[in-house]
Amino acid sequence: MPALDPRIVTIGIEVNGSLHTYEGLAITAVGTKYGNGNQSDCEIRISNLNRETRDYILTETSPFNLNRTPKRVIVSAGRVSYGTSVIYTGDIISANVTQPPDITIVLKCLTLNFMSGNVLARSQPYSVRLSQLAQQVATDLNIGLEFQATDKTISNYNFTGAALRQIDKLAKTGGVDVFIDNNMLIVKDMQVPLVNQLRVLNKNNGMIGLPEITELGIKVKFFLDNHTVVGGALRIESALNPAINGDYVIYKLGFEIASRDTPFYWVAEAARLRT
């Protein structure tokens, strides 16, 4: 009988640049990451914290707190054998508490939600490279940049509005996929997976049940790992339905994580790659 490989689930809450990490508790996290301009979302539940910690989280993340700096949450998960990786990073938009006896804090989060209220204007009177525009957007959002698109020249670029909505403008202007994942602005060619991000999936390495066929490709559930990413490639190897076998690009990646319950899954929706 193989040895158990225990789960690790940690929640980091950053307030005023100070990060508090919570581990070894009853934690669940359910959310979705998108390969477009939609804000990735997550709902986190942390049960049976001590009163001092619970009061700190509820006070600092309250909408009535006059401290208007972003309150960030970082969800990390993995197993003892390979360690943890960051599953989700976002801004807390609400914090509530459930009734006793199992007092649970419920955090609802959206990616870079603080930036949705930061209005700015940007213009490029002459031609500029797409990569330069991408770097400008990443700087405005105070995040890193992963540029894997075909570079091109853009003329007469103008934008006015919420800083976060520059993602939609950049995608439309450049004809590329643009999204945020774990504090990185990802820019890549449409319907092309990220480089060196291939997850081979079959019944022997984590696939749960049969993939569902969708309008664009497939929807499939599999055990959480530390290298599947939104925008990455997924290679399906199904013995029961070989017609769906092949390579796909993930455009929507859900996650269901629990430290003390059954869920520990990715749920990927992916589009078939053209050959």
Protein backbone atom coordinates (compact mmCIF):
# COMPACT_ATOMS: atom_id res chain seq x y z
CA MET A 1 0.00 0.00 0.00
CA PRO A 2 1.55 3.37 -1.02
CA ALA A 3 2.30 5.89 1.69
CA LEU A 4 -0.08 8.81 2.06
CA ASP A 5 1.02 12.14 0.63
CA PRO A 6 -0.56 14.73 2.98
CA ARG A 7 -2.02 17.95 1.65
CA ILE A 8 -0.72 21.40 2.49
CA VAL A 9 -3.09 24.39 2.27
CA THR A 10 -2.01 27.86 3.40
CA ILE A 11 -3.73 31.24 3.32
CA GLY A 12 -1.68 34.43 3.36
CA ILE A 13 -3.40 37.74 4.17
CA GLU A 14 -1.41 40.88 3.44
CA VAL A 15 -2.36 44.17 5.13
CA ASN A 16 -0.16 47.27 4.92
CA GLY A 17 2.68 45.22 3.50
CA SER A 18 2.63 42.75 6.41
CA LEU A 19 1.84 39.14 5.48
CA HIS A 20 0.14 36.83 7.98
CA THR A 21 0.09 33.15 6.99
CA TYR A 22 -2.40 30.58 8.31
CA GLU A 23 -1.85 26.81 8.00
CA GLY A 24 -3.06 23.63 9.67
CA LEU A 25 -6.64 24.90 9.94
CA ALA A 26 -9.92 23.82 8.36
CA ILE A 27 -9.62 25.75 5.09
CA THR A 28 -11.59 25.60 1.86
CA ALA A 29 -11.07 27.67 -1.27
CA VAL A 30 -13.24 27.62 -4.39
CA GLY A 31 -12.63 29.86 -7.37
CA THR A 32 -12.11 30.35 -11.09
CA LYS A 33 -9.26 31.82 -13.11
CA TYR A 34 -9.91 33.18 -16.61
CA GLY A 35 -7.74 33.47 -19.69
CA ASN A 36 -9.23 36.86 -20.59
CA GLY A 37 -10.01 40.22 -18.98
CA ASN A 38 -12.49 38.80 -16.46
CA GLN A 39 -11.38 39.11 -12.85
CA SER A 40 -10.51 35.75 -11.30
CA ASP A 41 -12.64 35.07 -8.22
CA CYS A 42 -12.27 33.05 -5.06
CA GLU A 43 -14.26 32.32 -1.90
CA ILE A 44 -12.23 31.22 1.11
CA ARG A 45 -13.54 29.73 4.35
CA ILE A 46 -11.34 29.46 7.44
CA SER A 47 -12.85 27.75 10.49
CA ASN A 48 -12.06 27.81 14.21
CA LEU A 49 -9.51 30.61 14.31
CA ASN A 50 -8.76 32.01 17.74
CA ARG A 51 -10.68 35.16 18.61
CA GLU A 52 -7.71 37.52 18.36
CA THR A 53 -6.88 36.36 14.82
CA ARG A 54 -10.52 36.37 13.77
CA ASP A 55 -11.04 39.92 15.03
CA TYR A 56 -7.88 41.08 13.25
CA ILE A 57 -8.98 39.71 9.88
CA LEU A 58 -12.55 41.01 10.16
CA THR A 59 -11.41 44.46 11.28
CA GLU A 60 -8.67 44.95 8.70
CA THR A 61 -10.75 43.72 5.76
CA SER A 62 -13.98 45.48 6.73
CA PRO A 63 -15.41 47.98 4.19
CA PHE A 64 -15.81 50.37 7.15
CA ASN A 65 -12.05 50.38 7.75
CA LEU A 66 -10.68 53.80 6.79
CA ASN A 67 -7.45 52.17 5.63
CA ARG A 68 -8.06 52.21 1.87
CA THR A 69 -5.00 50.19 0.86
CA PRO A 70 -5.67 46.82 -0.82
CA LYS A 71 -6.00 43.78 1.43
CA ARG A 72 -4.49 40.91 -0.50
CA VAL A 73 -4.97 37.18 -0.11
CA ILE A 74 -2.66 34.43 -1.36
CA VAL A 75 -3.88 30.83 -1.57
CA SER A 76 -1.16 28.17 -1.78
CA ALA A 77 -1.66 24.43 -1.93
CA GLY A 78 0.19 21.23 -2.67
CA ARG A 79 1.43 18.04 -1.09
CA VAL A 80 4.33 17.14 1.13
CA SER A 81 6.10 15.32 -1.73
CA TYR A 82 6.41 18.38 -3.98
CA GLY A 83 5.60 21.37 -1.78
CA THR A 84 3.15 24.16 -2.41
CA SER A 85 2.56 26.56 -5.28
CA VAL A 86 0.44 29.69 -5.46
CA ILE A 87 -3.06 28.82 -6.65
CA TYR A 88 -4.69 32.23 -6.41
CA THR A 89 -3.83 35.85 -5.59
CA GLY A 90 -6.48 38.55 -5.25
CA ASP A 91 -7.93 41.44 -3.27
CA ILE A 92 -10.45 40.81 -0.48
CA ILE A 93 -13.74 42.52 -1.30
CA SER A 94 -15.77 41.26 1.67
CA ALA A 95 -15.27 39.44 4.96
CA ASN A 96 -18.06 37.89 7.00
CA VAL A 97 -18.39 35.44 9.87
CA THR A 98 -20.82 32.51 10.30
CA GLN A 99 -22.85 31.58 13.36
CA PRO A 100 -21.40 29.42 16.19
CA PRO A 101 -20.51 26.74 17.07
CA ASP A 102 -18.16 26.31 14.11
CA ILE A 103 -17.26 29.97 13.62
CA THR A 104 -16.01 30.42 10.08
CA ILE A 105 -14.61 33.48 8.36
CA VAL A 106 -15.77 33.82 4.74
CA LEU A 107 -13.58 35.90 2.43
CA LYS A 108 -14.66 36.84 -1.09
CA CYS A 109 -11.92 37.99 -3.43
CA LEU A 110 -11.36 39.36 -6.93
CA THR A 111 -8.08 39.72 -8.76
CA LEU A 112 -6.62 43.25 -8.50
CA ASN A 113 -10.02 44.66 -7.57
CA PHE A 114 -8.34 47.68 -5.97
CA MET A 115 -7.17 48.77 -9.43
CA SER A 116 -10.73 48.88 -10.75
CA GLY A 117 -11.13 52.21 -8.94
CA ASN A 118 -7.87 53.70 -10.19
CA VAL A 119 -8.76 55.89 -13.19
CA LEU A 120 -6.03 57.00 -15.59
CA ALA A 121 -5.35 58.16 -19.14
CA ARG A 122 -2.69 56.81 -21.49
CA SER A 123 -1.84 57.74 -25.06
CA GLN A 124 0.82 57.01 -27.65
CA PRO A 125 0.72 59.65 -30.42
CA TYR A 126 3.12 57.66 -32.59
CA SER A 127 3.64 54.01 -33.28
CA VAL A 128 4.70 51.77 -30.40
CA ARG A 129 5.50 48.08 -30.04
CA LEU A 130 2.88 45.82 -28.48
CA SER A 131 5.46 44.61 -25.96
CA GLN A 132 6.03 48.21 -24.82
CA LEU A 133 2.31 48.73 -24.33
CA ALA A 134 2.12 45.50 -22.35
CA GLN A 135 4.96 46.64 -20.11
CA GLN A 136 3.18 49.96 -19.54
CA VAL A 137 -0.02 48.17 -18.50
CA ALA A 138 1.89 45.86 -16.16
CA THR A 139 3.62 48.86 -14.58
CA ASP A 140 0.29 50.67 -14.11
CA LEU A 141 -1.08 47.58 -12.38
CA ASN A 142 2.10 47.08 -10.33
CA ILE A 143 2.56 43.49 -11.46
CA GLY A 144 5.07 41.54 -13.55
CA LEU A 145 4.85 40.79 -17.27
CA GLU A 146 5.05 37.49 -19.17
CA PHE A 147 5.05 38.41 -22.88
CA GLN A 148 4.73 35.44 -25.24
CA ALA A 149 2.88 37.08 -28.12
CA THR A 150 4.11 37.92 -31.61
CA ASP A 151 5.32 41.51 -31.29
CA LYS A 152 3.81 44.08 -33.64
CA THR A 153 3.54 47.82 -34.16
CA ILE A 154 0.50 49.64 -32.75
CA SER A 155 -0.46 53.15 -33.94
CA ASN A 156 -2.39 55.91 -32.17
CA TYR A 157 -3.05 54.05 -28.93
CA ASN A 158 -5.35 55.86 -26.49
CA PHE A 159 -7.02 54.75 -23.28
CA THR A 160 -9.02 56.46 -20.53
CA GLY A 161 -10.70 54.58 -17.71
CA ALA A 162 -10.06 52.17 -14.86
CA ALA A 163 -6.49 50.85 -14.85
CA LEU A 164 -7.73 47.27 -14.75
CA ARG A 165 -9.69 47.66 -17.97
CA GLN A 166 -6.50 48.28 -19.91
CA ILE A 167 -6.40 44.50 -20.19
CA ASP A 168 -9.43 44.50 -22.50
CA LYS A 169 -8.03 47.40 -24.52
CA LEU A 170 -4.66 45.71 -24.95
CA ALA A 171 -6.27 42.43 -26.04
CA LYS A 172 -8.49 44.14 -28.60
CA THR A 173 -5.75 46.40 -29.93
CA GLY A 174 -3.16 43.66 -30.31
CA GLY A 175 -5.47 40.78 -31.22
CA VAL A 176 -3.98 38.70 -28.42
CA ASP A 177 -4.99 36.93 -25.22
CA VAL A 178 -4.35 39.10 -22.15
CA PHE A 179 -5.08 38.10 -18.56
CA ILE A 180 -3.73 38.20 -15.02
CA ASP A 181 -2.56 35.15 -13.14
CA ASN A 182 -0.85 35.33 -9.75
CA ASN A 183 0.38 38.91 -10.04
CA MET A 184 1.62 38.45 -13.60
CA LEU A 185 0.19 40.05 -16.74
CA ILE A 186 0.16 37.30 -19.35
CA VAL A 187 0.17 38.29 -23.04
CA LYS A 188 0.13 35.50 -25.62
CA ASP A 189 -1.09 34.79 -29.13
CA MET A 190 -4.72 33.75 -29.38
CA GLN A 191 -5.38 29.99 -29.25
CA VAL A 192 -1.67 29.31 -28.63
CA PRO A 193 -0.65 27.76 -25.28
CA LEU A 194 2.07 29.14 -23.07
CA VAL A 195 5.55 27.79 -23.72
CA ASN A 196 6.66 24.79 -21.62
CA GLN A 197 3.28 24.52 -19.88
CA LEU A 198 1.97 21.13 -20.99
CA ARG A 199 -0.07 18.89 -18.68
CA VAL A 200 -0.52 15.32 -19.92
CA LEU A 201 -3.70 13.89 -18.44
CA ASN A 202 -4.99 10.32 -18.34
CA LYS A 203 -6.64 7.91 -15.91
CA ASN A 204 -3.29 6.96 -14.37
CA ASN A 205 -2.09 10.44 -13.44
CA GLY A 206 -5.04 12.27 -11.94
CA MET A 207 -7.95 12.51 -14.37
CA ILE A 208 -11.30 12.08 -12.60
CA GLY A 209 -14.09 10.57 -14.67
CA LEU A 210 -14.52 11.31 -18.37
CA PRO A 211 -13.98 14.74 -19.93
CA GLU A 212 -17.18 16.47 -21.05
CA ILE A 213 -17.37 17.70 -24.63
CA THR A 214 -18.22 21.43 -24.88
CA GLU A 215 -18.77 23.89 -27.74
CA LEU A 216 -15.09 24.84 -27.78
CA GLY A 217 -13.47 21.62 -26.63
CA ILE A 218 -13.66 19.88 -23.28
CA LYS A 219 -14.27 20.29 -19.57
CA VAL A 220 -12.29 17.96 -17.33
CA LYS A 221 -11.69 17.47 -13.61
CA PHE A 222 -8.37 16.24 -12.23
CA PHE A 223 -6.33 16.24 -9.06
CA LEU A 224 -4.56 19.44 -8.09
CA ASP A 225 -0.92 19.69 -9.13
CA ASN A 226 1.76 22.39 -9.12
CA HIS A 227 2.22 22.99 -12.85
CA THR A 228 -1.23 23.33 -14.46
CA VAL A 229 -1.92 26.99 -15.38
CA VAL A 230 -4.59 28.93 -17.22
CA GLY A 231 -3.32 29.51 -20.74
CA GLY A 232 -1.27 26.31 -20.64
CA ALA A 233 -1.67 23.22 -22.80
CA LEU A 234 -3.60 20.10 -21.84
CA ARG A 235 -3.02 16.78 -23.58
CA ILE A 236 -5.89 14.33 -23.10
CA GLU A 237 -5.27 10.60 -23.30
CA SER A 238 -8.61 8.85 -22.82
CA ALA A 239 -8.94 5.08 -23.18
CA LEU A 240 -12.76 5.12 -23.14
CA ASN A 241 -13.26 7.97 -25.63
CA PRO A 242 -10.22 8.23 -27.92
CA ALA A 243 -12.06 10.69 -30.19
CA ILE A 244 -11.34 13.48 -27.71
CA ASN A 245 -7.64 12.69 -27.43
CA GLY A 246 -5.32 15.50 -28.43
CA ASP A 247 -3.99 18.87 -27.33
CA TYR A 248 -6.02 21.74 -25.91
CA VAL A 249 -5.36 25.21 -24.48
CA ILE A 250 -6.91 26.02 -21.09
CA TYR A 251 -9.04 29.19 -21.16
CA LYS A 252 -10.81 28.72 -17.83
CA LEU A 253 -9.39 27.00 -14.76
CA GLY A 254 -11.50 26.37 -11.67
CA PHE A 255 -10.20 25.02 -8.39
CA GLU A 256 -11.80 23.31 -5.40
CA ILE A 257 -9.47 22.94 -2.41
CA ALA A 258 -10.09 21.68 1.12
CA SER A 259 -7.53 20.93 3.82
CA ARG A 260 -9.78 18.47 5.67
CA ASP A 261 -12.41 17.40 3.15
CA THR A 262 -12.58 15.59 -0.18
CA PRO A 263 -12.10 18.37 -2.78
CA PHE A 264 -8.58 18.89 -4.08
CA TYR A 265 -9.21 19.43 -7.78
CA TRP A 266 -8.65 21.50 -10.86
CA VAL A 267 -11.63 21.87 -13.22
CA ALA A 268 -10.34 22.97 -16.62
CA GLU A 269 -12.22 24.17 -19.66
CA ALA A 270 -10.04 24.00 -22.75
CA ALA A 271 -10.31 24.69 -26.47
CA ARG A 272 -9.08 22.19 -29.04
CA LEU A 273 -5.82 23.20 -30.71
CA ARG A 274 -5.91 23.31 -34.47
CA THR A 275 -3.45 21.05 -36.25
